Amino acid sequence: LSVGEFRRLAEVAMTDIWQRGKVAF
């Protein structure tokens, strides 16, 4: 898993968390 792919997956996770009104840690 490249760092670039990690960043992409992290951004997907953050978007999901924010859309549900939560805080991303």
PDB file of all heavy atoms in Angstrom:
ATOM      1  N   LEU A   1       0.859  -1.179   0.000  1.00  0.00           N
ATOM      2  CA  LEU A   1       0.000   0.000   0.000  1.00  0.00           C
ATOM      3  C   LEU A   1       0.896   1.229   0.000  1.00  0.00           C
ATOM      4  O   LEU A   1       1.637   1.466   0.945  1.00  0.00           O
ATOM      5  CB  LEU A   1      -0.907   0.013   1.241  1.00  0.00           C
ATOM      6  CG  LEU A   1      -1.946   1.138   1.277  1.00  0.00           C
ATOM      7  CD1 LEU A   1      -3.102   0.804   0.329  1.00  0.00           C
ATOM      8  CD2 LEU A   1      -2.484   1.346   2.687  1.00  0.00           C
ATOM      9  N   SER A   2       0.821   2.019  -1.058  1.00  0.00           N
ATOM     10  CA  SER A   2       1.658   3.209  -1.160  1.00  0.00           C
ATOM     11  C   SER A   2       1.124   4.312  -0.250  1.00  0.00           C
ATOM     12  O   SER A   2      -0.038   4.290   0.173  1.00  0.00           O
ATOM     13  CB  SER A   2       1.690   3.716  -2.603  1.00  0.00           C
ATOM     14  OG  SER A   2       0.419   4.242  -2.963  1.00  0.00           O
ATOM     15  N   VAL A   3       1.973   5.288   0.024  1.00  0.00           N
ATOM     16  CA  VAL A   3       1.541   6.427   0.834  1.00  0.00           C
ATOM     17  C   VAL A   3       0.438   7.189   0.111  1.00  0.00           C
ATOM     18  O   VAL A   3      -0.524   7.660   0.728  1.00  0.00           O
ATOM     19  CB  VAL A   3       2.725   7.363   1.148  1.00  0.00           C
ATOM     20  CG1 VAL A   3       2.263   8.569   1.958  1.00  0.00           C
ATOM     21  CG2 VAL A   3       3.817   6.621   1.896  1.00  0.00           C
ATOM     22  N   GLY A   4       0.560   7.295  -1.208  1.00  0.00           N
ATOM     23  CA  GLY A   4      -0.472   7.973  -1.981  1.00  0.00           C
ATOM     24  C   GLY A   4      -1.814   7.275  -1.871  1.00  0.00           C
ATOM     25  O   GLY A   4      -2.861   7.930  -1.749  1.00  0.00           O
ATOM     26  N   GLU A   5      -1.812   5.952  -1.886  1.00  0.00           N
ATOM     27  CA  GLU A   5      -3.051   5.204  -1.746  1.00  0.00           C
ATOM     28  C   GLU A   5      -3.605   5.344  -0.332  1.00  0.00           C
ATOM     29  O   GLU A   5      -4.815   5.446  -0.130  1.00  0.00           O
ATOM     30  CB  GLU A   5      -2.814   3.725  -2.085  1.00  0.00           C
ATOM     31  CG  GLU A   5      -4.046   2.835  -1.976  1.00  0.00           C
ATOM     32  CD  GLU A   5      -5.151   3.162  -2.970  1.00  0.00           C
ATOM     33  OE1 GLU A   5      -4.922   4.005  -3.873  1.00  0.00           O
ATOM     34  OE2 GLU A   5      -6.251   2.592  -2.845  1.00  0.00           O
ATOM     35  N   PHE A   6      -2.699   5.366   0.660  1.00  0.00           N
ATOM     36  CA  PHE A   6      -3.163   5.585   2.030  1.00  0.00           C
ATOM     37  C   PHE A   6      -3.881   6.928   2.123  1.00  0.00           C
ATOM     38  O   PHE A   6      -4.951   7.029   2.723  1.00  0.00           O
ATOM     39  CB  PHE A   6      -2.008   5.557   3.027  1.00  0.00           C
ATOM     40  CG  PHE A   6      -2.425   5.993   4.403  1.00  0.00           C
ATOM     41  CD1 PHE A   6      -3.025   5.103   5.268  1.00  0.00           C
ATOM     42  CD2 PHE A   6      -2.280   7.320   4.810  1.00  0.00           C
ATOM     43  CE1 PHE A   6      -3.469   5.508   6.521  1.00  0.00           C
ATOM     44  CE2 PHE A   6      -2.709   7.741   6.056  1.00  0.00           C
ATOM     45  CZ  PHE A   6      -3.304   6.832   6.913  1.00  0.00           C
ATOM     46  N   ARG A   7      -3.278   7.961   1.543  1.00  0.00           N
ATOM     47  CA  ARG A   7      -3.898   9.288   1.612  1.00  0.00           C
ATOM     48  C   ARG A   7      -5.288   9.267   0.982  1.00  0.00           C
ATOM     49  O   ARG A   7      -6.240   9.836   1.520  1.00  0.00           O
ATOM     50  CB  ARG A   7      -3.022  10.327   0.912  1.00  0.00           C
ATOM     51  CG  ARG A   7      -3.620  11.716   1.019  1.00  0.00           C
ATOM     52  CD  ARG A   7      -3.057  12.710   0.028  1.00  0.00           C
ATOM     53  NE  ARG A   7      -3.992  13.823  -0.098  1.00  0.00           N
ATOM     54  CZ  ARG A   7      -3.939  14.740  -1.037  1.00  0.00           C
ATOM     55  NH1 ARG A   7      -2.983  14.705  -1.933  1.00  0.00           N
ATOM     56  NH2 ARG A   7      -4.823  15.703  -1.085  1.00  0.00           N
ATOM     57  N   ARG A   8      -5.423   8.590  -0.142  1.00  0.00           N
ATOM     58  CA  ARG A   8      -6.732   8.522  -0.812  1.00  0.00           C
ATOM     59  C   ARG A   8      -7.761   7.840   0.087  1.00  0.00           C
ATOM     60  O   ARG A   8      -8.891   8.327   0.247  1.00  0.00           O
ATOM     61  CB  ARG A   8      -6.606   7.770  -2.138  1.00  0.00           C
ATOM     62  CG  ARG A   8      -7.884   7.795  -2.987  1.00  0.00           C
ATOM     63  CD  ARG A   8      -7.807   6.841  -4.152  1.00  0.00           C
ATOM     64  NE  ARG A   8      -7.830   5.454  -3.721  1.00  0.00           N
ATOM     65  CZ  ARG A   8      -8.943   4.805  -3.345  1.00  0.00           C
ATOM     66  NH1 ARG A   8     -10.111   5.443  -3.333  1.00  0.00           N
ATOM     67  NH2 ARG A   8      -8.890   3.549  -2.980  1.00  0.00           N
ATOM     68  N   LEU A   9      -7.376   6.726   0.697  1.00  0.00           N
ATOM     69  CA  LEU A   9      -8.298   5.996   1.571  1.00  0.00           C
ATOM     70  C   LEU A   9      -8.651   6.826   2.808  1.00  0.00           C
ATOM     71  O   LEU A   9      -9.787   6.801   3.287  1.00  0.00           O
ATOM     72  CB  LEU A   9      -7.672   4.667   1.991  1.00  0.00           C
ATOM     73  CG  LEU A   9      -7.487   3.631   0.880  1.00  0.00           C
ATOM     74  CD1 LEU A   9      -6.721   2.425   1.405  1.00  0.00           C
ATOM     75  CD2 LEU A   9      -8.830   3.200   0.300  1.00  0.00           C
ATOM     76  N   ALA A  10      -7.662   7.547   3.338  1.00  0.00           N
ATOM     77  CA  ALA A  10      -7.909   8.393   4.502  1.00  0.00           C
ATOM     78  C   ALA A  10      -8.904   9.503   4.160  1.00  0.00           C
ATOM     79  O   ALA A  10      -9.788   9.832   4.969  1.00  0.00           O
ATOM     80  CB  ALA A  10      -6.604   8.989   5.018  1.00  0.00           C
ATOM     81  N   GLU A  11      -8.782  10.072   2.968  1.00  0.00           N
ATOM     82  CA  GLU A  11      -9.700  11.136   2.574  1.00  0.00           C
ATOM     83  C   GLU A  11     -11.119  10.610   2.415  1.00  0.00           C
ATOM     84  O   GLU A  11     -12.088  11.287   2.763  1.00  0.00           O
ATOM     85  CB  GLU A  11      -9.210  11.781   1.273  1.00  0.00           C
ATOM     86  CG  GLU A  11      -7.954  12.626   1.476  1.00  0.00           C
ATOM     87  CD  GLU A  11      -7.427  13.209   0.179  1.00  0.00           C
ATOM     88  OE1 GLU A  11      -7.762  12.661  -0.897  1.00  0.00           O
ATOM     89  OE2 GLU A  11      -6.690  14.193   0.232  1.00  0.00           O
ATOM     90  N   VAL A  12     -11.254   9.384   1.910  1.00  0.00           N
ATOM     91  CA  VAL A  12     -12.585   8.760   1.803  1.00  0.00           C
ATOM     92  C   VAL A  12     -13.173   8.579   3.194  1.00  0.00           C
ATOM     93  O   VAL A  12     -14.356   8.877   3.433  1.00  0.00           O
ATOM     94  CB  VAL A  12     -12.493   7.406   1.068  1.00  0.00           C
ATOM     95  CG1 VAL A  12     -13.808   6.648   1.175  1.00  0.00           C
ATOM     96  CG2 VAL A  12     -12.115   7.609  -0.392  1.00  0.00           C
ATOM     97  N   ALA A  13     -12.352   8.091   4.124  1.00  0.00           N
ATOM     98  CA  ALA A  13     -12.815   7.875   5.498  1.00  0.00           C
ATOM     99  C   ALA A  13     -13.201   9.192   6.165  1.00  0.00           C
ATOM    100  O   ALA A  13     -14.232   9.283   6.844  1.00  0.00           O
ATOM    101  CB  ALA A  13     -11.734   7.164   6.308  1.00  0.00           C
ATOM    102  N   MET A  14     -12.393  10.241   5.979  1.00  0.00           N
ATOM    103  CA  MET A  14     -12.696  11.533   6.586  1.00  0.00           C
ATOM    104  C   MET A  14     -14.015  12.095   6.058  1.00  0.00           C
ATOM    105  O   MET A  14     -14.835  12.608   6.834  1.00  0.00           O
ATOM    106  CB  MET A  14     -11.556  12.525   6.318  1.00  0.00           C
ATOM    107  CG  MET A  14     -10.299  12.224   7.108  1.00  0.00           C
ATOM    108  SD  MET A  14      -9.023  13.519   6.976  1.00  0.00           S
ATOM    109  CE  MET A  14      -8.653  13.489   5.232  1.00  0.00           C
ATOM    110  N   THR A  15     -14.217  11.993   4.761  1.00  0.00           N
ATOM    111  CA  THR A  15     -15.466  12.486   4.167  1.00  0.00           C
ATOM    112  C   THR A  15     -16.659  11.767   4.768  1.00  0.00           C
ATOM    113  O   THR A  15     -17.683  12.391   5.103  1.00  0.00           O
ATOM    114  CB  THR A  15     -15.437  12.305   2.639  1.00  0.00           C
ATOM    115  OG1 THR A  15     -14.346  13.045   2.088  1.00  0.00           O
ATOM    116  CG2 THR A  15     -16.740  12.790   2.018  1.00  0.00           C
ATOM    117  N   ASP A  16     -16.544  10.466   4.910  1.00  0.00           N
ATOM    118  CA  ASP A  16     -17.625   9.675   5.497  1.00  0.00           C
ATOM    119  C   ASP A  16     -17.904  10.113   6.937  1.00  0.00           C
ATOM    120  O   ASP A  16     -19.057  10.291   7.339  1.00  0.00           O
ATOM    121  CB  ASP A  16     -17.246   8.190   5.461  1.00  0.00           C
ATOM    122  CG  ASP A  16     -18.231   7.317   6.207  1.00  0.00           C
ATOM    123  OD1 ASP A  16     -19.441   7.390   5.924  1.00  0.00           O
ATOM    124  OD2 ASP A  16     -17.801   6.564   7.108  1.00  0.00           O
ATOM    125  N   ILE A  17     -16.842  10.312   7.703  1.00  0.00           N
ATOM    126  CA  ILE A  17     -16.987  10.727   9.109  1.00  0.00           C
ATOM    127  C   ILE A  17     -17.651  12.099   9.203  1.00  0.00           C
ATOM    128  O   ILE A  17     -18.579  12.310   9.988  1.00  0.00           O
ATOM    129  CB  ILE A  17     -15.601  10.738   9.794  1.00  0.00           C
ATOM    130  CG1 ILE A  17     -15.069   9.309   9.939  1.00  0.00           C
ATOM    131  CG2 ILE A  17     -15.670  11.413  11.162  1.00  0.00           C
ATOM    132  CD1 ILE A  17     -13.607   9.227  10.326  1.00  0.00           C
ATOM    133  N   TRP A  18     -17.192  13.041   8.395  1.00  0.00           N
ATOM    134  CA  TRP A  18     -17.743  14.405   8.428  1.00  0.00           C
ATOM    135  C   TRP A  18     -19.205  14.440   7.988  1.00  0.00           C
ATOM    136  O   TRP A  18     -20.009  15.199   8.533  1.00  0.00           O
ATOM    137  CB  TRP A  18     -16.913  15.325   7.555  1.00  0.00           C
ATOM    138  CG  TRP A  18     -15.530  15.565   8.095  1.00  0.00           C
ATOM    139  CD1 TRP A  18     -15.158  15.591   9.406  1.00  0.00           C
ATOM    140  CD2 TRP A  18     -14.354  15.829   7.330  1.00  0.00           C
ATOM    141  NE1 TRP A  18     -13.801  15.838   9.502  1.00  0.00           N
ATOM    142  CE2 TRP A  18     -13.287  15.995   8.242  1.00  0.00           C
ATOM    143  CE3 TRP A  18     -14.090  15.932   5.965  1.00  0.00           C
ATOM    144  CZ2 TRP A  18     -11.987  16.259   7.827  1.00  0.00           C
ATOM    145  CZ3 TRP A  18     -12.791  16.198   5.546  1.00  0.00           C
ATOM    146  CH2 TRP A  18     -11.754  16.359   6.471  1.00  0.00           C
ATOM    147  N   GLN A  19     -19.548  13.625   6.982  1.00  0.00           N
ATOM    148  CA  GLN A  19     -20.928  13.618   6.494  1.00  0.00           C
ATOM    149  C   GLN A  19     -21.897  13.148   7.567  1.00  0.00           C
ATOM    150  O   GLN A  19     -23.082  13.470   7.526  1.00  0.00           O
ATOM    151  CB  GLN A  19     -21.043  12.733   5.249  1.00  0.00           C
ATOM    152  CG  GLN A  19     -20.447  13.360   4.001  1.00  0.00           C
ATOM    153  CD  GLN A  19     -20.508  12.448   2.792  1.00  0.00           C
ATOM    154  OE1 GLN A  19     -20.682  11.228   2.922  1.00  0.00           O
ATOM    155  NE2 GLN A  19     -20.356  13.026   1.607  1.00  0.00           N
ATOM    156  N   ARG A  20     -21.389  12.383   8.527  1.00  0.00           N
ATOM    157  CA  ARG A  20     -22.228  11.916   9.632  1.00  0.00           C
ATOM    158  C   ARG A  20     -22.116  12.821  10.855  1.00  0.00           C
ATOM    159  O   ARG A  20     -22.546  12.456  11.947  1.00  0.00           O
ATOM    160  CB  ARG A  20     -21.867  10.465   9.975  1.00  0.00           C
ATOM    161  CG  ARG A  20     -22.322   9.483   8.900  1.00  0.00           C
ATOM    162  CD  ARG A  20     -22.030   8.044   9.239  1.00  0.00           C
ATOM    163  NE  ARG A  20     -20.617   7.716   9.055  1.00  0.00           N
ATOM    164  CZ  ARG A  20     -19.755   7.524  10.035  1.00  0.00           C
ATOM    165  NH1 ARG A  20     -20.151   7.637  11.289  1.00  0.00           N
ATOM    166  NH2 ARG A  20     -18.497   7.216   9.787  1.00  0.00           N
ATOM    167  N   GLY A  21     -21.517  13.998  10.659  1.00  0.00           N
ATOM    168  CA  GLY A  21     -21.465  14.992  11.714  1.00  0.00           C
ATOM    169  C   GLY A  21     -20.502  14.669  12.836  1.00  0.00           C
ATOM    170  O   GLY A  21     -20.652  15.163  13.961  1.00  0.00           O
ATOM    171  N   LYS A  22     -19.470  13.890  12.534  1.00  0.00           N
ATOM    172  CA  LYS A  22     -18.520  13.494  13.565  1.00  0.00           C
ATOM    173  C   LYS A  22     -17.150  14.130  13.334  1.00  0.00           C
ATOM    174  O   LYS A  22     -16.897  14.749  12.298  1.00  0.00           O
ATOM    175  CB  LYS A  22     -18.411  11.971  13.615  1.00  0.00           C
ATOM    176  CG  LYS A  22     -19.710  11.292  14.047  1.00  0.00           C
ATOM    177  CD  LYS A  22     -19.469   9.851  14.448  1.00  0.00           C
ATOM    178  CE  LYS A  22     -20.708   9.249  15.082  1.00  0.00           C
ATOM    179  NZ  LYS A  22     -20.423   7.916  15.650  1.00  0.00           N
ATOM    180  N   VAL A  23     -16.269  13.936  14.319  1.00  0.00           N
ATOM    181  CA  VAL A  23     -14.913  14.493  14.267  1.00  0.00           C
ATOM    182  C   VAL A  23     -13.946  13.389  13.847  1.00  0.00           C
ATOM    183  O   VAL A  23     -13.988  12.270  14.386  1.00  0.00           O
ATOM    184  CB  VAL A  23     -14.496  15.054  15.643  1.00  0.00           C
ATOM    185  CG1 VAL A  23     -13.061  15.581  15.594  1.00  0.00           C
ATOM    186  CG2 VAL A  23     -15.457  16.149  16.079  1.00  0.00           C
ATOM    187  N   ALA A  24     -13.073  13.685  12.889  1.00  0.00           N
ATOM    188  CA  ALA A  24     -12.077  12.712  12.426  1.00  0.00           C
ATOM    189  C   ALA A  24     -10.793  12.841  13.250  1.00  0.00           C
ATOM    190  O   ALA A  24     -10.245  13.938  13.370  1.00  0.00           O
ATOM    191  CB  ALA A  24     -11.770  12.931  10.948  1.00  0.00           C
ATOM    192  N   PHE A  25     -10.352  11.722  13.816  1.00  0.00           N
ATOM    193  CA  PHE A  25      -9.090  11.669  14.550  1.00  0.00           C
ATOM    194  C   PHE A  25      -8.113  10.813  13.740  1.00  0.00           C
ATOM    195  O   PHE A  25      -8.349   9.619  13.542  1.00  0.00           O
ATOM    196  CB  PHE A  25      -9.291  11.047  15.934  1.00  0.00           C
ATOM    197  CG  PHE A  25      -9.930  11.963  16.936  1.00  0.00           C
ATOM    198  CD1 PHE A  25     -11.310  12.148  16.943  1.00  0.00           C
ATOM    199  CD2 PHE A  25      -9.161  12.654  17.868  1.00  0.00           C
ATOM    200  CE1 PHE A  25     -11.910  12.996  17.869  1.00  0.00           C
ATOM    201  CE2 PHE A  25      -9.752  13.510  18.788  1.00  0.00           C
ATOM    202  CZ  PHE A  25     -11.126  13.677  18.785  1.00  0.00           C
TER     203      PHE A  25
END
